[in-house]
Amino acid sequence: MKKQGVCVQTYRRAYSTGSVDTSTWLEIDSSLNANASGVEIFDSCGQVMELGYGASSAEQRLMLVKPGGTDGHIVPAGLHAGMRVCYRGVSAASGTDGELVINFYK
């Protein structure tokens, strides 16, 4: 998807504040403040991760995130205002170093 639209929300986390592992979903937002038709992700931890949504203990994968993120592209997401958004590791190793930035676009 071309970079267009309006960024309605941004999430930023340094992995030095706590690792992201393969067993527990990290809550990005308990309730998105607006619909998000796309996401742009930068993740420098060097691991395969996944972006998900849904209630705690009932999360669903929205997309796999390759090391580095979405290469500056906005990827279709179809998230709705009020949805809980989360993130976790897929690779055997957890993300312990680097930074995660997620921009949500309408």
N, C-alpha and C. Protein backbone atom coordinates (compact mmCIF):
# COMPACT_ATOMS: atom_id res chain seq x y z
N MET A 1 0.85 -1.17 0.00
CA MET A 1 0.00 0.00 0.00
C MET A 1 0.90 1.24 0.00
N LYS A 2 0.59 2.21 -0.83
CA LYS A 2 1.36 3.45 -0.86
C LYS A 2 1.21 4.17 0.46
N LYS A 3 2.25 4.95 0.80
CA LYS A 3 2.15 5.77 2.00
C LYS A 3 1.17 6.89 1.71
N GLN A 4 0.06 6.82 2.35
CA GLN A 4 -0.96 7.86 2.23
C GLN A 4 -1.88 7.72 3.42
N GLY A 5 -2.78 8.62 3.56
CA GLY A 5 -3.66 8.56 4.70
C GLY A 5 -3.08 9.30 5.89
N VAL A 6 -3.79 9.23 6.96
CA VAL A 6 -3.44 9.98 8.16
C VAL A 6 -3.05 9.00 9.26
N CYS A 7 -1.92 9.26 9.89
CA CYS A 7 -1.52 8.46 11.03
C CYS A 7 -2.42 8.85 12.21
N VAL A 8 -3.15 7.88 12.74
CA VAL A 8 -4.10 8.18 13.81
C VAL A 8 -3.57 7.79 15.19
N GLN A 9 -2.49 7.02 15.21
CA GLN A 9 -1.95 6.60 16.50
C GLN A 9 -0.55 6.02 16.27
N THR A 10 0.33 6.22 17.24
CA THR A 10 1.69 5.68 17.17
C THR A 10 2.02 4.99 18.47
N TYR A 11 2.70 3.86 18.37
CA TYR A 11 3.19 3.14 19.55
C TYR A 11 4.70 3.03 19.41
N ARG A 12 5.43 3.28 20.50
CA ARG A 12 6.88 3.17 20.50
C ARG A 12 7.34 2.48 21.77
N ARG A 13 8.29 1.55 21.62
CA ARG A 13 8.82 0.83 22.79
C ARG A 13 10.28 0.48 22.52
N ALA A 14 11.12 0.76 23.50
CA ALA A 14 12.51 0.31 23.46
C ALA A 14 12.54 -1.06 24.14
N TYR A 15 13.13 -2.04 23.49
CA TYR A 15 13.18 -3.38 24.06
C TYR A 15 13.98 -3.43 25.36
N SER A 16 14.80 -2.41 25.61
CA SER A 16 15.56 -2.37 26.86
C SER A 16 14.64 -2.22 28.07
N THR A 17 13.40 -1.78 27.85
CA THR A 17 12.44 -1.65 28.97
C THR A 17 11.78 -2.98 29.30
N GLY A 18 12.02 -3.99 28.50
CA GLY A 18 11.44 -5.31 28.72
C GLY A 18 11.38 -6.06 27.41
N SER A 19 11.75 -7.33 27.45
CA SER A 19 11.78 -8.11 26.22
C SER A 19 10.37 -8.52 25.79
N VAL A 20 10.25 -8.91 24.54
CA VAL A 20 9.02 -9.46 24.01
C VAL A 20 9.33 -10.91 23.67
N ASP A 21 8.58 -11.84 24.24
CA ASP A 21 8.91 -13.25 24.04
C ASP A 21 7.84 -13.97 23.24
N THR A 22 8.02 -15.29 23.11
CA THR A 22 7.12 -16.09 22.29
C THR A 22 5.92 -16.64 23.06
N SER A 23 5.89 -16.45 24.37
CA SER A 23 4.81 -17.05 25.16
C SER A 23 3.72 -16.07 25.58
N THR A 24 4.04 -14.80 25.66
CA THR A 24 3.09 -13.83 26.18
C THR A 24 2.89 -12.68 25.19
N TRP A 25 1.65 -12.36 24.91
CA TRP A 25 1.36 -11.21 24.06
C TRP A 25 1.61 -9.92 24.84
N LEU A 26 2.33 -8.98 24.24
CA LEU A 26 2.54 -7.65 24.79
C LEU A 26 1.38 -6.78 24.33
N GLU A 27 0.66 -6.17 25.25
CA GLU A 27 -0.45 -5.30 24.87
C GLU A 27 0.10 -3.98 24.32
N ILE A 28 -0.21 -3.69 23.07
CA ILE A 28 0.18 -2.44 22.43
C ILE A 28 -0.82 -1.35 22.81
N ASP A 29 -2.08 -1.68 22.75
CA ASP A 29 -3.15 -0.75 23.15
C ASP A 29 -4.36 -1.57 23.55
N SER A 30 -4.95 -1.22 24.68
CA SER A 30 -6.12 -1.96 25.15
C SER A 30 -7.37 -1.60 24.37
N SER A 31 -7.35 -0.43 23.71
CA SER A 31 -8.51 0.03 22.95
C SER A 31 -8.08 1.10 21.96
N LEU A 32 -7.90 0.72 20.68
CA LEU A 32 -7.49 1.71 19.68
C LEU A 32 -8.42 2.91 19.69
N ASN A 33 -7.86 4.09 19.51
CA ASN A 33 -8.69 5.30 19.58
C ASN A 33 -9.37 5.64 18.26
N ALA A 34 -9.04 4.92 17.18
CA ALA A 34 -9.66 5.18 15.88
C ALA A 34 -9.53 3.94 15.00
N ASN A 35 -10.35 3.85 13.97
CA ASN A 35 -10.19 2.77 12.98
C ASN A 35 -8.82 2.90 12.33
N ALA A 36 -8.20 1.76 12.04
CA ALA A 36 -6.91 1.76 11.36
C ALA A 36 -6.98 0.79 10.19
N SER A 37 -6.96 1.33 8.99
CA SER A 37 -7.03 0.47 7.81
C SER A 37 -5.65 -0.08 7.44
N GLY A 38 -4.59 0.49 8.02
CA GLY A 38 -3.25 0.01 7.73
C GLY A 38 -2.28 0.28 8.86
N VAL A 39 -1.17 -0.47 8.85
CA VAL A 39 -0.11 -0.27 9.84
C VAL A 39 1.24 -0.23 9.13
N GLU A 40 2.14 0.53 9.71
CA GLU A 40 3.53 0.58 9.29
C GLU A 40 4.35 0.22 10.52
N ILE A 41 5.25 -0.75 10.39
CA ILE A 41 5.99 -1.24 11.55
C ILE A 41 7.49 -1.15 11.29
N PHE A 42 8.20 -0.62 12.27
CA PHE A 42 9.66 -0.69 12.31
C PHE A 42 10.01 -1.48 13.56
N ASP A 43 10.80 -2.55 13.40
CA ASP A 43 11.21 -3.37 14.53
C ASP A 43 12.66 -3.78 14.32
N SER A 44 13.54 -3.29 15.17
CA SER A 44 14.97 -3.54 14.98
C SER A 44 15.52 -4.65 15.89
N CYS A 45 14.64 -5.48 16.48
CA CYS A 45 15.13 -6.54 17.38
C CYS A 45 15.76 -7.70 16.62
N GLY A 46 15.49 -7.82 15.32
CA GLY A 46 16.12 -8.87 14.53
C GLY A 46 15.41 -10.21 14.58
N GLN A 47 14.20 -10.26 15.11
CA GLN A 47 13.46 -11.51 15.22
C GLN A 47 12.16 -11.43 14.42
N VAL A 48 11.60 -12.59 14.08
CA VAL A 48 10.27 -12.64 13.47
C VAL A 48 9.26 -12.45 14.60
N MET A 49 8.33 -11.54 14.40
CA MET A 49 7.32 -11.21 15.41
C MET A 49 5.94 -11.35 14.78
N GLU A 50 4.90 -11.17 15.58
CA GLU A 50 3.54 -11.15 15.05
C GLU A 50 2.73 -10.07 15.72
N LEU A 51 1.90 -9.41 14.91
CA LEU A 51 0.96 -8.41 15.38
C LEU A 51 -0.39 -9.10 15.49
N GLY A 52 -1.06 -8.89 16.60
CA GLY A 52 -2.35 -9.54 16.81
C GLY A 52 -3.39 -8.58 17.37
N TYR A 53 -4.56 -9.13 17.58
CA TYR A 53 -5.68 -8.35 18.11
C TYR A 53 -6.57 -9.29 18.91
N GLY A 54 -7.41 -8.73 19.74
CA GLY A 54 -8.39 -9.53 20.47
C GLY A 54 -8.20 -9.48 21.98
N ALA A 55 -9.17 -9.99 22.65
CA ALA A 55 -9.17 -10.00 24.12
C ALA A 55 -8.03 -10.86 24.66
N SER A 56 -7.60 -10.56 25.87
CA SER A 56 -6.56 -11.33 26.53
C SER A 56 -6.95 -12.80 26.59
N SER A 57 -6.04 -13.66 26.26
CA SER A 57 -6.22 -15.12 26.20
C SER A 57 -7.03 -15.57 24.98
N ALA A 58 -7.42 -14.64 24.10
CA ALA A 58 -8.14 -15.00 22.88
C ALA A 58 -7.58 -14.24 21.68
N GLU A 59 -6.29 -13.90 21.73
CA GLU A 59 -5.67 -13.13 20.66
C GLU A 59 -5.63 -13.90 19.35
N GLN A 60 -5.72 -13.16 18.26
CA GLN A 60 -5.64 -13.72 16.91
C GLN A 60 -4.50 -13.02 16.18
N ARG A 61 -3.75 -13.78 15.39
CA ARG A 61 -2.68 -13.18 14.60
C ARG A 61 -3.27 -12.38 13.45
N LEU A 62 -2.82 -11.15 13.30
CA LEU A 62 -3.18 -10.33 12.16
C LEU A 62 -2.14 -10.49 11.06
N MET A 63 -0.85 -10.50 11.44
CA MET A 63 0.21 -10.61 10.45
C MET A 63 1.53 -10.99 11.10
N LEU A 64 2.37 -11.67 10.33
CA LEU A 64 3.75 -11.91 10.74
C LEU A 64 4.56 -10.67 10.37
N VAL A 65 5.52 -10.34 11.21
CA VAL A 65 6.38 -9.18 10.97
C VAL A 65 7.81 -9.69 10.84
N LYS A 66 8.39 -9.53 9.66
CA LYS A 66 9.75 -10.00 9.43
C LYS A 66 10.73 -9.07 10.15
N PRO A 67 11.95 -9.53 10.40
CA PRO A 67 12.94 -8.67 11.02
C PRO A 67 13.06 -7.35 10.26
N GLY A 68 13.00 -6.27 10.96
CA GLY A 68 13.06 -4.94 10.35
C GLY A 68 11.70 -4.28 10.22
N GLY A 69 10.65 -5.07 10.07
CA GLY A 69 9.31 -4.50 9.96
C GLY A 69 8.76 -4.56 8.55
N THR A 70 8.02 -3.53 8.18
CA THR A 70 7.30 -3.52 6.90
C THR A 70 8.03 -2.72 5.82
N ASP A 71 9.30 -2.45 6.01
CA ASP A 71 10.12 -1.75 5.02
C ASP A 71 9.54 -0.40 4.61
N GLY A 72 8.93 0.31 5.55
CA GLY A 72 8.38 1.62 5.25
C GLY A 72 7.05 1.60 4.53
N HIS A 73 6.47 0.42 4.31
CA HIS A 73 5.19 0.29 3.63
C HIS A 73 4.04 0.21 4.65
N ILE A 74 2.93 0.74 4.28
CA ILE A 74 1.72 0.59 5.07
C ILE A 74 1.04 -0.69 4.60
N VAL A 75 0.80 -1.59 5.53
CA VAL A 75 0.21 -2.89 5.24
C VAL A 75 -1.26 -2.86 5.67
N PRO A 76 -2.19 -3.34 4.84
CA PRO A 76 -3.60 -3.35 5.23
C PRO A 76 -3.82 -4.09 6.56
N ALA A 77 -4.67 -3.51 7.41
CA ALA A 77 -4.88 -4.11 8.73
C ALA A 77 -6.34 -4.32 9.09
N GLY A 78 -7.21 -3.39 8.78
CA GLY A 78 -8.63 -3.55 9.08
C GLY A 78 -8.94 -3.59 10.58
N LEU A 79 -8.25 -2.77 11.36
CA LEU A 79 -8.50 -2.72 12.80
C LEU A 79 -9.56 -1.65 13.09
N HIS A 80 -10.37 -1.91 14.09
CA HIS A 80 -11.47 -1.00 14.43
C HIS A 80 -11.22 -0.31 15.76
N ALA A 81 -11.74 0.89 15.89
CA ALA A 81 -11.65 1.62 17.15
C ALA A 81 -12.19 0.73 18.27
N GLY A 82 -11.49 0.72 19.38
CA GLY A 82 -11.91 -0.09 20.52
C GLY A 82 -11.25 -1.46 20.58
N MET A 83 -10.60 -1.89 19.49
CA MET A 83 -9.93 -3.19 19.48
C MET A 83 -8.68 -3.16 20.34
N ARG A 84 -8.39 -4.29 20.98
CA ARG A 84 -7.13 -4.48 21.70
C ARG A 84 -6.11 -5.00 20.69
N VAL A 85 -4.91 -4.38 20.67
CA VAL A 85 -3.85 -4.75 19.74
C VAL A 85 -2.65 -5.23 20.56
N CYS A 86 -2.00 -6.30 20.09
CA CYS A 86 -0.91 -6.90 20.84
C CYS A 86 0.20 -7.38 19.91
N TYR A 87 1.32 -7.80 20.49
CA TYR A 87 2.53 -8.13 19.74
C TYR A 87 3.27 -9.22 20.49
N ARG A 88 3.86 -10.18 19.79
CA ARG A 88 4.71 -11.17 20.46
C ARG A 88 5.71 -11.77 19.49
N GLY A 89 6.68 -12.47 20.05
CA GLY A 89 7.72 -13.10 19.25
C GLY A 89 7.26 -14.40 18.62
N VAL A 90 7.89 -14.76 17.52
CA VAL A 90 7.64 -16.03 16.85
C VAL A 90 8.93 -16.84 16.82
N SER A 91 10.06 -16.16 16.62
CA SER A 91 11.36 -16.83 16.58
C SER A 91 11.66 -17.48 17.92
N ALA A 92 12.58 -18.41 17.92
CA ALA A 92 12.96 -19.11 19.15
C ALA A 92 13.50 -18.14 20.19
N ALA A 93 14.21 -17.12 19.75
CA ALA A 93 14.74 -16.13 20.69
C ALA A 93 13.74 -14.99 20.84
N SER A 94 13.75 -14.36 21.99
CA SER A 94 12.86 -13.22 22.19
C SER A 94 13.56 -11.93 21.79
N GLY A 95 12.77 -10.90 21.57
CA GLY A 95 13.30 -9.59 21.26
C GLY A 95 13.74 -8.91 22.54
N THR A 96 15.05 -8.69 22.67
CA THR A 96 15.56 -8.09 23.90
C THR A 96 16.32 -6.80 23.66
N ASP A 97 16.62 -6.49 22.41
CA ASP A 97 17.42 -5.33 22.09
C ASP A 97 16.84 -4.67 20.86
N GLY A 98 16.81 -3.35 20.85
CA GLY A 98 16.30 -2.62 19.69
C GLY A 98 15.09 -1.78 20.05
N GLU A 99 14.30 -1.50 19.02
CA GLU A 99 13.16 -0.61 19.19
C GLU A 99 12.01 -1.05 18.29
N LEU A 100 10.80 -0.84 18.77
CA LEU A 100 9.58 -1.14 18.03
C LEU A 100 8.78 0.15 17.88
N VAL A 101 8.39 0.45 16.65
CA VAL A 101 7.53 1.59 16.37
C VAL A 101 6.42 1.11 15.45
N ILE A 102 5.17 1.35 15.83
CA ILE A 102 4.02 1.00 15.00
C ILE A 102 3.18 2.24 14.78
N ASN A 103 2.98 2.59 13.50
CA ASN A 103 2.08 3.67 13.13
C ASN A 103 0.79 3.07 12.60
N PHE A 104 -0.33 3.56 13.10
CA PHE A 104 -1.66 3.10 12.66
C PHE A 104 -2.25 4.20 11.78
N TYR A 105 -2.72 3.82 10.58
CA TYR A 105 -3.25 4.77 9.60
C TYR A 105 -4.73 4.52 9.33
N LYS A 106 -5.46 5.63 9.12
CA LYS A 106 -6.87 5.44 8.73
C LYS A 106 -7.02 5.51 7.26
